[in-house]
Every structure is written in C-alpha cells, then in structure tokens.
Amino acid sequence: MRKFVSLSKFPTGADQQRRGAAMVEMAVCFPVFMLLLLLGIIEFGRGLMVSQLLTSAAREGCRSAVIDGATDASVEAEMITQVVNTVGCTAADVGISIVVTSVSDGSVVPLPAKHHHD
C-alpha cells in the first residue's frame, strides 16, 4: 500500500481535527493565563506600594526623632500611626525597631543613657 502525501495548503481529516483541538485548548487556557498574569501584575504593584508606604513611615519617624525632646516612645507611636493609617493594618501587627548607625561605616552606634534636657 502506498500512502499519498497531500500537497494541498488546506488540512483535511485528522489534521483539521488536531487544529480544532489546539484552538479549543488555546481558547480555554489563554484567558486563564491572562487572568493569572493580570493578578500577578496587580500583586506586584501592591507589594511596591506597601514598600513605599513603609519607607514613607520610616522617613516620618526619622523626622519626628530629630525634634528636640523626642523620645523613643513618641517616635514609635508616630511610626505606628503612619503605618496603620496608610497600609491599613492593625497596630498589633506593626513592629518598630530603632537602630542608630554610623554614617561613615554603617556600624551600629550604642545609644547613650537617657538624658533629660532642662
């Protein structure tokens, strides 16, 4: 038995069925893929937004820390207020750690004992 090869540009029989199956698979999978891509883009954007909001809260905390008479408690309260108001979480979910570092080499500078300025 000889098998003849079709030289036609248009598929026939089994070729058309395979093409149809591929089109159906694409019609089902492509919207799911696009939805997952869209949700990934939204989640990535939200992550960047939260990162920027936390950076802004740290900046506000630094501004309140340089004011004469500021205490660790007042700075922490300011930062917690900023995070709660911008990010939308509860105050119990916020953890603040105040660390002073050296400008020259980045090493941690020990904080001196609390002094009351009169």
Protein backbone atom coordinates (compact mmCIF):
# COMPACT_ATOMS: atom_id res chain seq x y z
CA MET A 1 0.00 0.00 0.00
CA ARG A 2 1.18 3.38 -0.90
CA LYS A 3 0.44 6.42 1.12
CA PHE A 4 -0.07 9.61 -0.81
CA VAL A 5 1.06 12.91 0.62
CA SER A 6 -1.34 15.77 0.15
CA LEU A 7 0.26 18.82 -1.39
CA SER A 8 -2.78 20.94 -0.63
CA LYS A 9 -2.36 24.02 1.61
CA PHE A 10 -5.59 23.21 3.40
CA PRO A 11 -5.54 20.44 6.00
CA THR A 12 -8.03 17.66 5.70
CA GLY A 13 -9.40 14.98 8.01
CA ALA A 14 -7.23 14.30 11.06
CA ASP A 15 -5.17 17.47 10.52
CA GLN A 16 -8.30 19.62 10.81
CA GLN A 17 -9.35 17.82 13.98
CA ARG A 18 -5.94 18.40 15.55
CA ARG A 19 -6.07 22.07 14.60
CA GLY A 20 -9.55 22.35 16.05
CA ALA A 21 -8.44 20.71 19.30
CA ALA A 22 -5.49 23.10 19.53
CA MET A 23 -7.79 26.08 19.00
CA VAL A 24 -10.17 24.87 21.73
CA GLU A 25 -7.26 24.32 24.13
CA MET A 26 -5.98 27.82 23.37
CA ALA A 27 -9.46 29.30 23.85
CA VAL A 28 -9.67 27.69 27.29
CA CYS A 29 -6.09 28.19 28.51
CA PHE A 30 -5.32 31.69 27.18
CA PRO A 31 -7.90 33.59 29.29
CA VAL A 32 -6.77 31.70 32.40
CA PHE A 33 -3.15 32.59 31.64
CA MET A 34 -4.05 36.24 31.03
CA LEU A 35 -6.03 36.39 34.28
CA LEU A 36 -3.09 34.96 36.24
CA LEU A 37 -0.75 37.44 34.55
CA LEU A 38 -3.07 40.33 35.41
CA LEU A 39 -3.38 39.22 39.04
CA GLY A 40 0.42 38.89 39.24
CA ILE A 41 0.88 42.43 37.93
CA ILE A 42 -1.65 43.76 40.46
CA GLU A 43 0.01 41.88 43.33
CA PHE A 44 3.47 43.10 42.31
CA GLY A 45 2.16 46.68 42.19
CA ARG A 46 0.61 46.29 45.63
CA GLY A 47 3.91 44.99 47.00
CA LEU A 48 5.72 48.03 45.62
CA MET A 49 3.05 50.31 47.09
CA VAL A 50 3.35 48.78 50.56
CA SER A 51 7.15 49.03 50.35
CA GLN A 52 6.87 52.73 49.52
CA LEU A 53 4.37 53.32 52.32
CA LEU A 54 6.68 51.67 54.86
CA THR A 55 9.62 53.73 53.59
CA SER A 56 7.49 56.85 54.00
CA ALA A 57 6.56 55.85 57.56
CA ALA A 58 10.26 55.33 58.39
CA ARG A 59 11.03 58.76 56.93
CA GLU A 60 8.32 60.36 59.07
CA GLY A 61 9.69 58.55 62.11
CA CYS A 62 13.15 59.95 61.41
CA ARG A 63 11.70 63.45 61.08
CA SER A 64 9.95 63.15 64.42
CA ALA A 65 13.11 61.68 66.03
CA VAL A 66 15.27 64.71 65.26
CA ILE A 67 12.90 67.07 67.04
CA ASP A 68 14.37 68.19 70.37
CA GLY A 69 12.71 66.36 73.24
CA ALA A 70 11.57 63.38 71.17
CA THR A 71 11.52 60.05 72.97
CA ASP A 72 11.68 56.52 71.60
CA ALA A 73 8.05 56.04 72.62
CA SER A 74 6.89 59.16 70.76
CA VAL A 75 8.80 58.15 67.63
CA GLU A 76 7.38 54.62 67.76
CA ALA A 77 3.87 55.99 68.25
CA GLU A 78 4.29 58.32 65.24
CA MET A 79 5.53 55.49 63.04
CA ILE A 80 2.77 53.10 64.15
CA THR A 81 0.18 55.77 63.40
CA GLN A 82 1.66 56.32 59.93
CA VAL A 83 1.71 52.60 59.10
CA VAL A 84 -1.80 51.94 60.43
CA ASN A 85 -3.25 54.93 58.53
CA THR A 86 -1.53 54.21 55.20
CA VAL A 87 -1.15 50.43 54.96
CA GLY A 88 -4.42 49.59 56.69
CA CYS A 89 -3.22 47.04 59.24
CA THR A 90 -3.74 46.98 63.00
CA ALA A 91 -1.29 48.48 65.48
CA ALA A 92 -0.66 44.99 66.91
CA ASP A 93 0.73 43.92 63.51
CA VAL A 94 3.36 46.68 63.44
CA GLY A 95 6.82 46.11 64.87
CA ILE A 96 9.24 49.01 65.26
CA SER A 97 12.97 48.74 65.97
CA ILE A 98 15.03 51.91 66.43
CA VAL A 99 18.68 51.45 65.43
CA VAL A 100 21.27 54.20 65.19
CA THR A 101 24.11 53.60 62.70
CA SER A 102 27.33 55.42 61.94
CA VAL A 103 27.38 57.49 58.77
CA SER A 104 30.98 56.62 57.95
CA ASP A 105 31.00 52.82 58.10
CA GLY A 106 27.42 51.73 58.85
CA SER A 107 28.26 50.14 62.19
CA VAL A 108 25.71 50.25 64.99
CA VAL A 109 26.27 53.10 67.44
CA PRO A 110 25.32 52.31 71.04
CA LEU A 111 22.68 54.69 72.35
CA PRO A 112 23.69 56.68 75.40
CA ALA A 113 21.67 56.62 78.59
CA LYS A 114 18.55 58.78 78.55
CA HIS A 115 19.24 62.40 79.48
CA HIS A 116 16.64 64.96 80.40
CA HIS A 117 17.43 68.36 78.97
CA ASP A 118 16.43 71.24 81.21
